[in-house]
């Protein structure tokens, strides 16, 4: 399986660190392939429906380039339950899964 990393809210070096953690977890802990392409939005407070990079990541995976999206946690997607349900429905219809890094202490990469 191939996953595409997605980051929300990180800038510059921090974004690169988070992407590195996501790639490391995918490749070394989960045994997944990692897409060459990654996506990031700078404002996690922006509604998920208006985040261009998140939409692009969903389209990328939905087009068959990846089996899933990998991000740090649900808050990187949205805290809004209705919006989250729409995202999950959209991904499910395209047979794309959404995965998160495990919490620290549960096999998470630090």
N, C-alpha and C. Protein backbone atom coordinates (compact mmCIF):
# COMPACT_ATOMS: atom_id res chain seq x y z
N UNK A 1 0.83 -1.18 0.00
CA UNK A 1 0.00 0.00 0.00
C UNK A 1 0.87 1.24 0.00
N UNK A 2 0.39 2.26 -0.63
CA UNK A 2 1.09 3.53 -0.69
C UNK A 2 0.25 4.58 0.03
N UNK A 3 0.90 5.40 0.83
CA UNK A 3 0.21 6.51 1.51
C UNK A 3 0.83 7.83 1.08
N UNK A 4 0.01 8.85 1.13
CA UNK A 4 0.47 10.21 0.83
C UNK A 4 0.43 11.01 2.13
N UNK A 5 1.56 11.61 2.52
CA UNK A 5 1.59 12.41 3.75
C UNK A 5 0.87 13.75 3.57
N UNK A 6 0.17 14.16 4.64
CA UNK A 6 -0.51 15.45 4.68
C UNK A 6 -0.23 16.12 6.02
N UNK A 7 0.13 17.40 5.95
CA UNK A 7 0.43 18.19 7.16
C UNK A 7 -0.41 19.46 7.12
N UNK A 8 -0.93 19.84 8.28
CA UNK A 8 -1.67 21.10 8.40
C UNK A 8 -1.05 21.94 9.50
N UNK A 9 -0.75 23.19 9.18
CA UNK A 9 -0.33 24.15 10.19
C UNK A 9 1.15 24.26 10.46
N UNK A 10 1.95 23.38 9.96
CA UNK A 10 3.40 23.45 10.19
C UNK A 10 4.04 24.31 9.11
N UNK A 11 5.09 25.01 9.47
CA UNK A 11 5.78 25.91 8.53
C UNK A 11 7.26 25.56 8.47
N UNK A 12 7.87 25.79 7.31
CA UNK A 12 9.32 25.67 7.14
C UNK A 12 9.90 24.39 7.67
N UNK A 13 10.87 24.53 8.57
CA UNK A 13 11.57 23.37 9.13
C UNK A 13 10.66 22.45 9.90
N UNK A 14 9.68 23.03 10.59
CA UNK A 14 8.73 22.20 11.34
C UNK A 14 7.95 21.30 10.39
N UNK A 15 7.51 21.85 9.25
CA UNK A 15 6.78 21.05 8.27
C UNK A 15 7.64 19.89 7.77
N UNK A 16 8.90 20.18 7.49
CA UNK A 16 9.81 19.12 7.03
C UNK A 16 10.00 18.05 8.10
N UNK A 17 10.08 18.45 9.37
CA UNK A 17 10.21 17.49 10.46
C UNK A 17 8.98 16.60 10.57
N UNK A 18 7.80 17.20 10.48
CA UNK A 18 6.56 16.42 10.57
C UNK A 18 6.45 15.47 9.38
N UNK A 19 6.76 15.95 8.19
CA UNK A 19 6.73 15.07 7.02
C UNK A 19 7.72 13.92 7.17
N UNK A 20 8.88 14.19 7.74
CA UNK A 20 9.87 13.14 7.97
C UNK A 20 9.34 12.11 8.96
N UNK A 21 8.66 12.57 10.01
CA UNK A 21 8.05 11.63 10.98
C UNK A 21 7.00 10.77 10.31
N UNK A 22 6.17 11.40 9.48
CA UNK A 22 5.13 10.64 8.77
C UNK A 22 5.75 9.60 7.84
N UNK A 23 6.74 10.01 7.08
CA UNK A 23 7.41 9.08 6.16
C UNK A 23 8.08 7.93 6.91
N UNK A 24 8.75 8.26 8.00
CA UNK A 24 9.43 7.23 8.79
C UNK A 24 8.41 6.23 9.33
N UNK A 25 7.34 6.73 9.93
CA UNK A 25 6.32 5.82 10.46
C UNK A 25 5.77 4.93 9.35
N UNK A 26 5.40 5.53 8.21
CA UNK A 26 4.81 4.75 7.12
C UNK A 26 5.75 3.65 6.65
N UNK A 27 6.99 4.01 6.41
CA UNK A 27 7.94 3.06 5.83
C UNK A 27 8.48 2.06 6.84
N UNK A 28 8.77 2.51 8.05
CA UNK A 28 9.49 1.65 9.00
C UNK A 28 8.61 1.01 10.07
N UNK A 29 7.49 1.61 10.36
CA UNK A 29 6.61 1.05 11.39
C UNK A 29 5.41 0.33 10.77
N UNK A 30 4.81 0.94 9.78
CA UNK A 30 3.61 0.38 9.17
C UNK A 30 3.91 -0.51 7.96
N UNK A 31 5.11 -0.37 7.39
CA UNK A 31 5.47 -1.17 6.22
C UNK A 31 4.80 -0.72 4.93
N UNK A 32 4.41 0.55 4.87
CA UNK A 32 3.77 1.09 3.67
C UNK A 32 4.80 1.76 2.78
N UNK A 33 4.47 1.86 1.51
CA UNK A 33 5.25 2.70 0.61
C UNK A 33 4.77 4.14 0.81
N UNK A 34 5.64 5.09 0.55
CA UNK A 34 5.29 6.50 0.72
C UNK A 34 5.34 7.17 -0.64
N UNK A 35 4.27 7.86 -0.98
CA UNK A 35 4.22 8.59 -2.25
C UNK A 35 5.32 9.64 -2.27
N UNK A 36 5.84 9.91 -3.45
CA UNK A 36 6.86 10.95 -3.60
C UNK A 36 6.28 12.33 -3.30
N UNK A 37 5.00 12.48 -3.56
CA UNK A 37 4.33 13.75 -3.36
C UNK A 37 3.78 13.83 -1.95
N UNK A 38 3.87 14.99 -1.34
CA UNK A 38 3.24 15.24 -0.04
C UNK A 38 2.48 16.55 -0.15
N UNK A 39 1.58 16.78 0.79
CA UNK A 39 0.73 17.96 0.76
C UNK A 39 0.71 18.63 2.11
N UNK A 40 0.61 19.97 2.11
CA UNK A 40 0.52 20.70 3.37
C UNK A 40 -0.26 21.99 3.19
N UNK A 41 -1.07 22.29 4.18
CA UNK A 41 -1.79 23.55 4.26
C UNK A 41 -1.24 24.33 5.44
N UNK A 42 -1.19 25.64 5.31
CA UNK A 42 -0.59 26.45 6.38
C UNK A 42 -1.56 26.80 7.49
N UNK A 43 -2.86 26.76 7.24
CA UNK A 43 -3.83 27.21 8.24
C UNK A 43 -4.79 26.09 8.62
N UNK A 44 -4.53 25.37 9.72
CA UNK A 44 -5.43 24.29 10.10
C UNK A 44 -6.78 24.78 10.61
N UNK A 45 -6.89 26.08 10.90
CA UNK A 45 -8.17 26.63 11.35
C UNK A 45 -9.13 26.85 10.18
N UNK A 46 -8.59 26.90 8.97
CA UNK A 46 -9.44 27.07 7.79
C UNK A 46 -10.31 25.82 7.65
N UNK A 47 -11.59 25.98 7.32
CA UNK A 47 -12.44 24.80 7.13
C UNK A 47 -11.81 23.84 6.12
N UNK A 48 -11.92 22.57 6.41
CA UNK A 48 -11.26 21.55 5.58
C UNK A 48 -11.73 21.63 4.13
N UNK A 49 -12.96 22.03 3.90
CA UNK A 49 -13.49 22.12 2.54
C UNK A 49 -12.79 23.21 1.73
N UNK A 50 -12.13 24.15 2.40
CA UNK A 50 -11.46 25.26 1.71
C UNK A 50 -9.94 25.08 1.65
N UNK A 51 -9.42 24.00 2.20
CA UNK A 51 -7.97 23.77 2.18
C UNK A 51 -7.57 23.13 0.85
N UNK A 52 -6.83 23.88 0.08
CA UNK A 52 -6.46 23.43 -1.27
C UNK A 52 -5.57 22.20 -1.25
N UNK A 53 -4.59 22.15 -0.35
CA UNK A 53 -3.67 21.01 -0.33
C UNK A 53 -4.38 19.74 0.13
N UNK A 54 -5.30 19.85 1.11
CA UNK A 54 -6.02 18.67 1.55
C UNK A 54 -6.88 18.13 0.41
N UNK A 55 -7.56 19.03 -0.30
CA UNK A 55 -8.37 18.60 -1.44
C UNK A 55 -7.49 17.94 -2.50
N UNK A 56 -6.32 18.51 -2.73
CA UNK A 56 -5.40 17.92 -3.72
C UNK A 56 -4.92 16.55 -3.27
N UNK A 57 -4.64 16.38 -1.99
CA UNK A 57 -4.21 15.08 -1.47
C UNK A 57 -5.31 14.04 -1.65
N UNK A 58 -6.55 14.44 -1.38
CA UNK A 58 -7.68 13.52 -1.57
C UNK A 58 -7.84 13.14 -3.04
N UNK A 59 -7.73 14.12 -3.93
CA UNK A 59 -7.83 13.83 -5.37
C UNK A 59 -6.68 12.93 -5.82
N UNK A 60 -5.48 13.20 -5.34
CA UNK A 60 -4.30 12.42 -5.69
C UNK A 60 -4.51 10.95 -5.31
N UNK A 61 -4.93 10.72 -4.08
CA UNK A 61 -5.17 9.35 -3.64
C UNK A 61 -6.37 8.75 -4.37
N UNK A 62 -7.43 9.53 -4.51
CA UNK A 62 -8.63 9.05 -5.18
C UNK A 62 -8.41 8.68 -6.63
N UNK A 63 -7.39 9.28 -7.25
CA UNK A 63 -7.06 8.97 -8.64
C UNK A 63 -6.24 7.68 -8.76
N UNK A 64 -5.95 7.05 -7.63
CA UNK A 64 -5.23 5.78 -7.65
C UNK A 64 -3.75 5.88 -7.40
N UNK A 65 -3.24 7.05 -7.07
CA UNK A 65 -1.81 7.22 -6.81
C UNK A 65 -1.42 6.77 -5.41
N UNK A 66 -2.39 6.61 -4.52
CA UNK A 66 -2.12 6.16 -3.15
C UNK A 66 -3.37 5.45 -2.63
N UNK A 67 -3.15 4.57 -1.68
CA UNK A 67 -4.26 3.85 -1.05
C UNK A 67 -4.83 4.62 0.12
N UNK A 68 -4.01 5.54 0.68
CA UNK A 68 -4.46 6.26 1.86
C UNK A 68 -3.73 7.56 2.08
N UNK A 69 -4.27 8.35 3.00
CA UNK A 69 -3.66 9.58 3.46
C UNK A 69 -3.14 9.34 4.87
N UNK A 70 -1.98 9.88 5.18
CA UNK A 70 -1.39 9.76 6.50
C UNK A 70 -1.11 11.14 7.04
N UNK A 71 -1.61 11.42 8.24
CA UNK A 71 -1.38 12.69 8.90
C UNK A 71 -1.16 12.45 10.38
N UNK A 72 -0.93 13.52 11.14
CA UNK A 72 -0.57 13.35 12.55
C UNK A 72 -1.75 13.04 13.45
N UNK A 73 -2.94 13.45 13.09
CA UNK A 73 -4.10 13.19 13.92
C UNK A 73 -5.35 13.81 13.33
N UNK A 74 -6.47 13.53 13.95
CA UNK A 74 -7.74 14.03 13.43
C UNK A 74 -7.77 15.55 13.35
N UNK A 75 -7.17 16.24 14.29
CA UNK A 75 -7.21 17.70 14.26
C UNK A 75 -6.51 18.27 13.02
N UNK A 76 -5.65 17.49 12.39
CA UNK A 76 -5.03 17.93 11.13
C UNK A 76 -6.05 17.93 10.00
N UNK A 77 -7.13 17.19 10.18
CA UNK A 77 -8.19 17.15 9.18
C UNK A 77 -9.24 18.19 9.57
N UNK A 78 -9.95 17.96 10.65
CA UNK A 78 -10.96 18.90 11.15
C UNK A 78 -11.47 18.45 12.50
N UNK A 79 -11.86 19.40 13.32
CA UNK A 79 -12.50 19.10 14.60
C UNK A 79 -14.02 19.08 14.45
N UNK A 80 -14.52 19.53 13.31
CA UNK A 80 -15.95 19.59 13.04
C UNK A 80 -16.45 18.19 12.66
N UNK A 81 -17.35 17.64 13.46
CA UNK A 81 -17.83 16.27 13.23
C UNK A 81 -18.51 16.09 11.89
N UNK A 82 -19.34 17.03 11.49
CA UNK A 82 -20.06 16.90 10.21
C UNK A 82 -19.08 16.96 9.04
N UNK A 83 -18.12 17.88 9.10
CA UNK A 83 -17.12 17.97 8.03
C UNK A 83 -16.27 16.71 7.99
N UNK A 84 -15.92 16.19 9.16
CA UNK A 84 -15.12 14.96 9.22
C UNK A 84 -15.87 13.79 8.58
N UNK A 85 -17.15 13.72 8.86
CA UNK A 85 -17.95 12.65 8.26
C UNK A 85 -18.00 12.79 6.74
N UNK A 86 -18.09 14.01 6.23
CA UNK A 86 -18.08 14.22 4.77
C UNK A 86 -16.74 13.79 4.18
N UNK A 87 -15.66 14.10 4.86
CA UNK A 87 -14.33 13.69 4.39
C UNK A 87 -14.24 12.17 4.34
N UNK A 88 -14.66 11.52 5.41
CA UNK A 88 -14.60 10.06 5.45
C UNK A 88 -15.46 9.43 4.36
N UNK A 89 -16.63 9.98 4.13
CA UNK A 89 -17.51 9.47 3.07
C UNK A 89 -16.85 9.63 1.71
N UNK A 90 -16.29 10.81 1.45
CA UNK A 90 -15.60 11.08 0.19
C UNK A 90 -14.47 10.07 -0.03
N UNK A 91 -13.66 9.86 1.00
CA UNK A 91 -12.54 8.92 0.87
C UNK A 91 -13.03 7.49 0.71
N UNK A 92 -14.03 7.10 1.48
CA UNK A 92 -14.57 5.75 1.42
C UNK A 92 -15.09 5.44 0.01
N UNK A 93 -15.79 6.40 -0.58
CA UNK A 93 -16.33 6.19 -1.92
C UNK A 93 -15.22 5.96 -2.95
N UNK A 94 -14.02 6.42 -2.64
CA UNK A 94 -12.88 6.26 -3.55
C UNK A 94 -11.92 5.17 -3.08
N UNK A 95 -12.35 4.44 -2.05
CA UNK A 95 -11.55 3.34 -1.49
C UNK A 95 -10.19 3.82 -0.99
N UNK A 96 -10.19 4.96 -0.33
CA UNK A 96 -8.99 5.56 0.24
C UNK A 96 -9.15 5.59 1.75
N UNK A 97 -8.12 5.16 2.49
CA UNK A 97 -8.21 5.20 3.94
C UNK A 97 -7.50 6.44 4.48
N UNK A 98 -7.81 6.77 5.73
CA UNK A 98 -7.20 7.88 6.44
C UNK A 98 -6.53 7.30 7.67
N UNK A 99 -5.23 7.57 7.82
CA UNK A 99 -4.48 7.01 8.95
C UNK A 99 -3.75 8.13 9.69
N UNK A 100 -3.50 7.87 10.97
CA UNK A 100 -2.82 8.83 11.83
C UNK A 100 -1.61 8.19 12.49
N UNK A 101 -0.65 9.02 12.86
CA UNK A 101 0.46 8.54 13.67
C UNK A 101 -0.10 8.05 15.00
N UNK A 102 0.43 6.96 15.55
CA UNK A 102 -0.03 6.53 16.88
C UNK A 102 0.37 7.56 17.91
N UNK A 103 -0.37 7.60 19.00
CA UNK A 103 -0.04 8.50 20.11
C UNK A 103 1.29 8.09 20.72
N UNK A 104 2.00 9.05 21.30
CA UNK A 104 3.26 8.73 21.96
C UNK A 104 3.02 7.65 23.01
N UNK A 105 3.94 6.72 23.10
CA UNK A 105 3.80 5.62 24.03
C UNK A 105 3.11 4.42 23.43
N UNK A 106 2.56 4.57 22.23
CA UNK A 106 1.89 3.46 21.56
C UNK A 106 2.56 3.15 20.24
N UNK A 107 3.90 3.16 20.23
CA UNK A 107 4.63 2.86 19.03
C UNK A 107 4.88 4.05 18.14
N UNK A 108 4.62 5.25 18.66
CA UNK A 108 4.79 6.45 17.84
C UNK A 108 6.27 6.78 17.63
N UNK A 109 6.54 7.38 16.53
CA UNK A 109 7.88 7.87 16.22
C UNK A 109 8.04 9.21 16.92
N UNK A 110 9.13 9.38 17.65
CA UNK A 110 9.32 10.64 18.36
C UNK A 110 10.27 11.52 17.61
